């Protein structure tokens, strides 16, 4: 489960970082 989630979270983090900012992506990551 952890390996799968890490991949999914990283993919979404990169998408959010590209669209908005790294700070918002990091906050989203921590929230999840």
ModelCIF file with pLDDT and N, C-alpha, C, O atoms, coordinates in Angstrom:
data_MODEL
#
_entry.id   MODEL 
#
_entity.id                         1 
_entity.type                       polymer 
_entity.pdbx_number_of_molecules   1 
#
_entity_poly.entity_id                      1 
_entity_poly.type                           'polypeptide(L)' 
_entity_poly.nstd_linkage                   no 
_entity_poly.nstd_monomer                   no 
_entity_poly.pdbx_seq_one_letter_code       
;(UNK)(UNK)(UNK)(UNK)(UNK)(UNK)(UNK)(UNK)(UNK)(UNK)(UNK)(UNK)(UNK)(UNK)(UNK)(UNK)
(UNK)(UNK)(UNK)(UNK)(UNK)(UNK)(UNK)(UNK)(UNK)(UNK)(UNK)(UNK)(UNK)(UNK)(UNK)(UNK)
;
_entity_poly.pdbx_seq_one_letter_code_can   XXXXXXXXXXXXXXXXXXXXXXXXXXXXXXXX 
_entity_poly.pdbx_strand_id                 A 
#
loop_
_entity_poly_seq.entity_id 
_entity_poly_seq.num 
_entity_poly_seq.mon_id 
_entity_poly_seq.hetero 
1 1  UNK n 
1 2  UNK n 
1 3  UNK n 
1 4  UNK n 
1 5  UNK n 
1 6  UNK n 
1 7  UNK n 
1 8  UNK n 
1 9  UNK n 
1 10 UNK n 
1 11 UNK n 
1 12 UNK n 
1 13 UNK n 
1 14 UNK n 
1 15 UNK n 
1 16 UNK n 
1 17 UNK n 
1 18 UNK n 
1 19 UNK n 
1 20 UNK n 
1 21 UNK n 
1 22 UNK n 
1 23 UNK n 
1 24 UNK n 
1 25 UNK n 
1 26 UNK n 
1 27 UNK n 
1 28 UNK n 
1 29 UNK n 
1 30 UNK n 
1 31 UNK n 
1 32 UNK n 
#
_struct_asym.id          A 
_struct_asym.entity_id   1 
#
loop_
_ma_qa_metric.id 
_ma_qa_metric.mode 
_ma_qa_metric.name 
_ma_qa_metric.software_group_id 
_ma_qa_metric.type 
1 global pLDDT . pLDDT 
2 local  pLDDT . pLDDT 
#
_ma_qa_metric_global.metric_id      1 
_ma_qa_metric_global.metric_value   89.78 
_ma_qa_metric_global.model_id       1 
_ma_qa_metric_global.ordinal_id     1 
#
loop_
_ma_qa_metric_local.label_asym_id 
_ma_qa_metric_local.label_comp_id 
_ma_qa_metric_local.label_seq_id 
_ma_qa_metric_local.metric_id 
_ma_qa_metric_local.metric_value 
_ma_qa_metric_local.model_id 
_ma_qa_metric_local.ordinal_id 
A UNK 1  2 68.00 1 1  
A UNK 2  2 68.00 1 2  
A UNK 3  2 75.00 1 3  
A UNK 4  2 82.00 1 4  
A UNK 5  2 80.00 1 5  
A UNK 6  2 84.00 1 6  
A UNK 7  2 87.00 1 7  
A UNK 8  2 90.00 1 8  
A UNK 9  2 90.00 1 9  
A UNK 10 2 91.00 1 10 
A UNK 11 2 93.00 1 11 
A UNK 12 2 94.00 1 12 
A UNK 13 2 93.00 1 13 
A UNK 14 2 94.00 1 14 
A UNK 15 2 95.00 1 15 
A UNK 16 2 94.00 1 16 
A UNK 17 2 94.00 1 17 
A UNK 18 2 94.00 1 18 
A UNK 19 2 94.00 1 19 
A UNK 20 2 91.00 1 20 
A UNK 21 2 91.00 1 21 
A UNK 22 2 91.00 1 22 
A UNK 23 2 93.00 1 23 
A UNK 24 2 95.00 1 24 
A UNK 25 2 94.00 1 25 
A UNK 26 2 94.00 1 26 
A UNK 27 2 95.00 1 27 
A UNK 28 2 95.00 1 28 
A UNK 29 2 93.00 1 29 
A UNK 30 2 94.00 1 30 
A UNK 31 2 95.00 1 31 
A UNK 32 2 92.00 1 32 
#
loop_
_atom_site.group_PDB 
_atom_site.id 
_atom_site.type_symbol 
_atom_site.label_atom_id 
_atom_site.label_alt_id 
_atom_site.label_comp_id 
_atom_site.label_asym_id 
_atom_site.label_entity_id 
_atom_site.label_seq_id 
_atom_site.pdbx_PDB_ins_code 
_atom_site.Cartn_x 
_atom_site.Cartn_y 
_atom_site.Cartn_z 
_atom_site.occupancy 
_atom_site.B_iso_or_equiv 
_atom_site.pdbx_formal_charge 
_atom_site.auth_seq_id 
_atom_site.auth_comp_id 
_atom_site.auth_asym_id 
_atom_site.auth_atom_id 
_atom_site.pdbx_PDB_model_num 
ATOM 1   N N  . UNK A 1 1  ? 0.829  -1.203 0.000   1.00 68.00 ? 1  UNK A N  1 
ATOM 2   C CA . UNK A 1 1  ? 0.000  0.000  0.000   1.00 68.00 ? 1  UNK A CA 1 
ATOM 3   C C  . UNK A 1 1  ? 0.867  1.257  0.000   1.00 68.00 ? 1  UNK A C  1 
ATOM 4   O O  . UNK A 1 1  ? 0.566  2.220  -0.706  1.00 68.00 ? 1  UNK A O  1 
ATOM 5   N N  . UNK A 1 2  ? 1.920  1.250  0.775   1.00 68.00 ? 2  UNK A N  1 
ATOM 6   C CA . UNK A 1 2  ? 2.816  2.402  0.860   1.00 68.00 ? 2  UNK A CA 1 
ATOM 7   C C  . UNK A 1 2  ? 3.513  2.693  -0.453  1.00 68.00 ? 2  UNK A C  1 
ATOM 8   O O  . UNK A 1 2  ? 3.627  3.852  -0.853  1.00 68.00 ? 2  UNK A O  1 
ATOM 9   N N  . UNK A 1 3  ? 3.977  1.657  -1.124  1.00 75.00 ? 3  UNK A N  1 
ATOM 10  C CA . UNK A 1 3  ? 4.652  1.833  -2.405  1.00 75.00 ? 3  UNK A CA 1 
ATOM 11  C C  . UNK A 1 3  ? 3.702  2.402  -3.445  1.00 75.00 ? 3  UNK A C  1 
ATOM 12  O O  . UNK A 1 3  ? 4.069  3.297  -4.207  1.00 75.00 ? 3  UNK A O  1 
ATOM 13  N N  . UNK A 1 4  ? 2.510  1.894  -3.474  1.00 82.00 ? 4  UNK A N  1 
ATOM 14  C CA . UNK A 1 4  ? 1.505  2.381  -4.413  1.00 82.00 ? 4  UNK A CA 1 
ATOM 15  C C  . UNK A 1 4  ? 1.142  3.834  -4.127  1.00 82.00 ? 4  UNK A C  1 
ATOM 16  O O  . UNK A 1 4  ? 1.068  4.658  -5.038  1.00 82.00 ? 4  UNK A O  1 
ATOM 17  N N  . UNK A 1 5  ? 0.918  4.135  -2.857  1.00 80.00 ? 5  UNK A N  1 
ATOM 18  C CA . UNK A 1 5  ? 0.564  5.500  -2.477  1.00 80.00 ? 5  UNK A CA 1 
ATOM 19  C C  . UNK A 1 5  ? 1.692  6.478  -2.734  1.00 80.00 ? 5  UNK A C  1 
ATOM 20  O O  . UNK A 1 5  ? 1.445  7.604  -3.166  1.00 80.00 ? 5  UNK A O  1 
ATOM 21  N N  . UNK A 1 6  ? 2.918  6.072  -2.477  1.00 84.00 ? 6  UNK A N  1 
ATOM 22  C CA . UNK A 1 6  ? 4.064  6.949  -2.734  1.00 84.00 ? 6  UNK A CA 1 
ATOM 23  C C  . UNK A 1 6  ? 4.097  7.375  -4.197  1.00 84.00 ? 6  UNK A C  1 
ATOM 24  O O  . UNK A 1 6  ? 4.318  8.547  -4.501  1.00 84.00 ? 6  UNK A O  1 
ATOM 25  N N  . UNK A 1 7  ? 3.881  6.436  -5.087  1.00 87.00 ? 7  UNK A N  1 
ATOM 26  C CA . UNK A 1 7  ? 3.867  6.751  -6.516  1.00 87.00 ? 7  UNK A CA 1 
ATOM 27  C C  . UNK A 1 7  ? 2.739  7.688  -6.879  1.00 87.00 ? 7  UNK A C  1 
ATOM 28  O O  . UNK A 1 7  ? 2.936  8.653  -7.618  1.00 87.00 ? 7  UNK A O  1 
ATOM 29  N N  . UNK A 1 8  ? 1.554  7.406  -6.359  1.00 90.00 ? 8  UNK A N  1 
ATOM 30  C CA . UNK A 1 8  ? 0.394  8.253  -6.640  1.00 90.00 ? 8  UNK A CA 1 
ATOM 31  C C  . UNK A 1 8  ? 0.571  9.651  -6.069  1.00 90.00 ? 8  UNK A C  1 
ATOM 32  O O  . UNK A 1 8  ? 0.299  10.645 -6.743  1.00 90.00 ? 8  UNK A O  1 
ATOM 33  N N  . UNK A 1 9  ? 1.027  9.723  -4.830  1.00 90.00 ? 9  UNK A N  1 
ATOM 34  C CA . UNK A 1 9  ? 1.222  11.026 -4.185  1.00 90.00 ? 9  UNK A CA 1 
ATOM 35  C C  . UNK A 1 9  ? 2.304  11.827 -4.897  1.00 90.00 ? 9  UNK A C  1 
ATOM 36  O O  . UNK A 1 9  ? 2.160  13.037 -5.075  1.00 90.00 ? 9  UNK A O  1 
ATOM 37  N N  . UNK A 1 10 ? 3.390  11.163 -5.309  1.00 91.00 ? 10 UNK A N  1 
ATOM 38  C CA . UNK A 1 10 ? 4.465  11.874 -5.990  1.00 91.00 ? 10 UNK A CA 1 
ATOM 39  C C  . UNK A 1 10 ? 3.998  12.422 -7.337  1.00 91.00 ? 10 UNK A C  1 
ATOM 40  O O  . UNK A 1 10 ? 4.329  13.548 -7.708  1.00 91.00 ? 10 UNK A O  1 
ATOM 41  N N  . UNK A 1 11 ? 3.232  11.623 -8.056  1.00 93.00 ? 11 UNK A N  1 
ATOM 42  C CA . UNK A 1 11 ? 2.704  12.064 -9.347  1.00 93.00 ? 11 UNK A CA 1 
ATOM 43  C C  . UNK A 1 11 ? 1.809  13.292 -9.180  1.00 93.00 ? 11 UNK A C  1 
ATOM 44  O O  . UNK A 1 11 ? 1.927  14.263 -9.928  1.00 93.00 ? 11 UNK A O  1 
ATOM 45  N N  . UNK A 1 12 ? 0.929  13.241 -8.207  1.00 94.00 ? 12 UNK A N  1 
ATOM 46  C CA . UNK A 1 12 ? 0.029  14.369 -7.962  1.00 94.00 ? 12 UNK A CA 1 
ATOM 47  C C  . UNK A 1 12 ? 0.805  15.585 -7.445  1.00 94.00 ? 12 UNK A C  1 
ATOM 48  O O  . UNK A 1 12 ? 0.478  16.721 -7.790  1.00 94.00 ? 12 UNK A O  1 
ATOM 49  N N  . UNK A 1 13 ? 1.828  15.352 -6.620  1.00 93.00 ? 13 UNK A N  1 
ATOM 50  C CA . UNK A 1 13 ? 2.665  16.443 -6.122  1.00 93.00 ? 13 UNK A CA 1 
ATOM 51  C C  . UNK A 1 13 ? 3.320  17.176 -7.290  1.00 93.00 ? 13 UNK A C  1 
ATOM 52  O O  . UNK A 1 13 ? 3.287  18.406 -7.348  1.00 93.00 ? 13 UNK A O  1 
ATOM 53  N N  . UNK A 1 14 ? 3.909  16.436 -8.209  1.00 94.00 ? 14 UNK A N  1 
ATOM 54  C CA . UNK A 1 14 ? 4.569  17.055 -9.363  1.00 94.00 ? 14 UNK A CA 1 
ATOM 55  C C  . UNK A 1 14 ? 3.584  17.854 -10.209 1.00 94.00 ? 14 UNK A C  1 
ATOM 56  O O  . UNK A 1 14 ? 3.895  18.957 -10.659 1.00 94.00 ? 14 UNK A O  1 
ATOM 57  N N  . UNK A 1 15 ? 2.410  17.303 -10.420 1.00 95.00 ? 15 UNK A N  1 
ATOM 58  C CA . UNK A 1 15 ? 1.385  17.999 -11.200 1.00 95.00 ? 15 UNK A CA 1 
ATOM 59  C C  . UNK A 1 15 ? 1.009  19.314 -10.526 1.00 95.00 ? 15 UNK A C  1 
ATOM 60  O O  . UNK A 1 15 ? 0.933  20.356 -11.177 1.00 95.00 ? 15 UNK A O  1 
ATOM 61  N N  . UNK A 1 16 ? 0.774  19.258 -9.218  1.00 94.00 ? 16 UNK A N  1 
ATOM 62  C CA . UNK A 1 16 ? 0.404  20.474 -8.483  1.00 94.00 ? 16 UNK A CA 1 
ATOM 63  C C  . UNK A 1 16 ? 1.547  21.481 -8.433  1.00 94.00 ? 16 UNK A C  1 
ATOM 64  O O  . UNK A 1 16 ? 1.307  22.685 -8.517  1.00 94.00 ? 16 UNK A O  1 
ATOM 65  N N  . UNK A 1 17 ? 2.783  21.013 -8.299  1.00 94.00 ? 17 UNK A N  1 
ATOM 66  C CA . UNK A 1 17 ? 3.932  21.912 -8.258  1.00 94.00 ? 17 UNK A CA 1 
ATOM 67  C C  . UNK A 1 17 ? 4.106  22.631 -9.599  1.00 94.00 ? 17 UNK A C  1 
ATOM 68  O O  . UNK A 1 17 ? 4.455  23.811 -9.629  1.00 94.00 ? 17 UNK A O  1 
ATOM 69  N N  . UNK A 1 18 ? 3.866  21.931 -10.694 1.00 94.00 ? 18 UNK A N  1 
ATOM 70  C CA . UNK A 1 18 ? 3.979  22.548 -12.012 1.00 94.00 ? 18 UNK A CA 1 
ATOM 71  C C  . UNK A 1 18 ? 2.853  23.560 -12.262 1.00 94.00 ? 18 UNK A C  1 
ATOM 72  O O  . UNK A 1 18 ? 3.078  24.614 -12.858 1.00 94.00 ? 18 UNK A O  1 
ATOM 73  N N  . UNK A 1 19 ? 1.638  23.228 -11.801 1.00 94.00 ? 19 UNK A N  1 
ATOM 74  C CA . UNK A 1 19 ? 0.492  24.095 -12.047 1.00 94.00 ? 19 UNK A CA 1 
ATOM 75  C C  . UNK A 1 19 ? 0.460  25.314 -11.135 1.00 94.00 ? 19 UNK A C  1 
ATOM 76  O O  . UNK A 1 19 ? 0.062  26.397 -11.565 1.00 94.00 ? 19 UNK A O  1 
ATOM 77  N N  . UNK A 1 20 ? 0.871  25.153 -9.887  1.00 91.00 ? 20 UNK A N  1 
ATOM 78  C CA . UNK A 1 20 ? 0.794  26.283 -8.961  1.00 91.00 ? 20 UNK A CA 1 
ATOM 79  C C  . UNK A 1 20 ? 2.162  26.579 -8.361  1.00 91.00 ? 20 UNK A C  1 
ATOM 80  O O  . UNK A 1 20 ? 2.954  27.307 -8.961  1.00 91.00 ? 20 UNK A O  1 
ATOM 81  N N  . UNK A 1 21 ? 2.449  26.032 -7.201  1.00 91.00 ? 21 UNK A N  1 
ATOM 82  C CA . UNK A 1 21 ? 3.754  26.266 -6.569  1.00 91.00 ? 21 UNK A CA 1 
ATOM 83  C C  . UNK A 1 21 ? 4.165  25.045 -5.763  1.00 91.00 ? 21 UNK A C  1 
ATOM 84  O O  . UNK A 1 21 ? 3.346  24.188 -5.430  1.00 91.00 ? 21 UNK A O  1 
ATOM 85  N N  . UNK A 1 22 ? 5.441  24.992 -5.463  1.00 91.00 ? 22 UNK A N  1 
ATOM 86  C CA . UNK A 1 22 ? 5.960  23.882 -4.665  1.00 91.00 ? 22 UNK A CA 1 
ATOM 87  C C  . UNK A 1 22 ? 5.402  23.933 -3.242  1.00 91.00 ? 22 UNK A C  1 
ATOM 88  O O  . UNK A 1 22 ? 5.163  22.892 -2.630  1.00 91.00 ? 22 UNK A O  1 
ATOM 89  N N  . UNK A 1 23 ? 5.197  25.129 -2.723  1.00 93.00 ? 23 UNK A N  1 
ATOM 90  C CA . UNK A 1 23 ? 4.641  25.263 -1.379  1.00 93.00 ? 23 UNK A CA 1 
ATOM 91  C C  . UNK A 1 23 ? 3.233  24.692 -1.320  1.00 93.00 ? 23 UNK A C  1 
ATOM 92  O O  . UNK A 1 23 ? 2.914  23.933 -0.404  1.00 93.00 ? 23 UNK A O  1 
ATOM 93  N N  . UNK A 1 24 ? 2.394  25.039 -2.273  1.00 95.00 ? 24 UNK A N  1 
ATOM 94  C CA . UNK A 1 24 ? 1.033  24.500 -2.287  1.00 95.00 ? 24 UNK A CA 1 
ATOM 95  C C  . UNK A 1 24 ? 1.039  22.991 -2.484  1.00 95.00 ? 24 UNK A C  1 
ATOM 96  O O  . UNK A 1 24 ? 0.230  22.281 -1.887  1.00 95.00 ? 24 UNK A O  1 
ATOM 97  N N  . UNK A 1 25 ? 1.945  22.502 -3.315  1.00 94.00 ? 25 UNK A N  1 
ATOM 98  C CA . UNK A 1 25 ? 2.050  21.059 -3.530  1.00 94.00 ? 25 UNK A CA 1 
ATOM 99  C C  . UNK A 1 25 ? 2.498  20.359 -2.251  1.00 94.00 ? 25 UNK A C  1 
ATOM 100 O O  . UNK A 1 25 ? 1.984  19.292 -1.913  1.00 94.00 ? 25 UNK A O  1 
ATOM 101 N N  . UNK A 1 26 ? 3.454  20.954 -1.537  1.00 94.00 ? 26 UNK A N  1 
ATOM 102 C CA . UNK A 1 26 ? 3.927  20.358 -0.283  1.00 94.00 ? 26 UNK A CA 1 
ATOM 103 C C  . UNK A 1 26 ? 2.826  20.354 0.771   1.00 94.00 ? 26 UNK A C  1 
ATOM 104 O O  . UNK A 1 26 ? 2.667  19.377 1.503   1.00 94.00 ? 26 UNK A O  1 
ATOM 105 N N  . UNK A 1 27 ? 2.070  21.435 0.848   1.00 95.00 ? 27 UNK A N  1 
ATOM 106 C CA . UNK A 1 27 ? 0.947  21.477 1.796   1.00 95.00 ? 27 UNK A CA 1 
ATOM 107 C C  . UNK A 1 27 ? -0.085 20.415 1.457   1.00 95.00 ? 27 UNK A C  1 
ATOM 108 O O  . UNK A 1 27 ? -0.615 19.752 2.348   1.00 95.00 ? 27 UNK A O  1 
ATOM 109 N N  . UNK A 1 28 ? -0.368 20.253 0.180   1.00 95.00 ? 28 UNK A N  1 
ATOM 110 C CA . UNK A 1 28 ? -1.307 19.206 -0.247  1.00 95.00 ? 28 UNK A CA 1 
ATOM 111 C C  . UNK A 1 28 ? -0.769 17.836 0.158   1.00 95.00 ? 28 UNK A C  1 
ATOM 112 O O  . UNK A 1 28 ? -1.517 17.001 0.668   1.00 95.00 ? 28 UNK A O  1 
ATOM 113 N N  . UNK A 1 29 ? 0.509  17.603 -0.064  1.00 93.00 ? 29 UNK A N  1 
ATOM 114 C CA . UNK A 1 29 ? 1.145  16.319 0.241   1.00 93.00 ? 29 UNK A CA 1 
ATOM 115 C C  . UNK A 1 29 ? 1.018  16.003 1.729   1.00 93.00 ? 29 UNK A C  1 
ATOM 116 O O  . UNK A 1 29 ? 0.613  14.905 2.109   1.00 93.00 ? 29 UNK A O  1 
ATOM 117 N N  . UNK A 1 30 ? 1.370  16.981 2.565   1.00 94.00 ? 30 UNK A N  1 
ATOM 118 C CA . UNK A 1 30 ? 1.255  16.793 4.015   1.00 94.00 ? 30 UNK A CA 1 
ATOM 119 C C  . UNK A 1 30 ? -0.197 16.563 4.427   1.00 94.00 ? 30 UNK A C  1 
ATOM 120 O O  . UNK A 1 30 ? -0.475 15.730 5.289   1.00 94.00 ? 30 UNK A O  1 
ATOM 121 N N  . UNK A 1 31 ? -1.110 17.290 3.822   1.00 95.00 ? 31 UNK A N  1 
ATOM 122 C CA . UNK A 1 31 ? -2.532 17.138 4.144   1.00 95.00 ? 31 UNK A CA 1 
ATOM 123 C C  . UNK A 1 31 ? -2.984 15.707 3.842   1.00 95.00 ? 31 UNK A C  1 
ATOM 124 O O  . UNK A 1 31 ? -3.666 15.092 4.662   1.00 95.00 ? 31 UNK A O  1 
ATOM 125 N N  . UNK A 1 32 ? -2.619 15.180 2.694   1.00 92.00 ? 32 UNK A N  1 
ATOM 126 C CA . UNK A 1 32 ? -3.009 13.825 2.316   1.00 92.00 ? 32 UNK A CA 1 
ATOM 127 C C  . UNK A 1 32 ? -2.456 12.783 3.281   1.00 92.00 ? 32 UNK A C  1 
ATOM 128 O O  . UNK A 1 32 ? -2.694 11.589 3.103   1.00 92.00 ? 32 UNK A O  1 
#
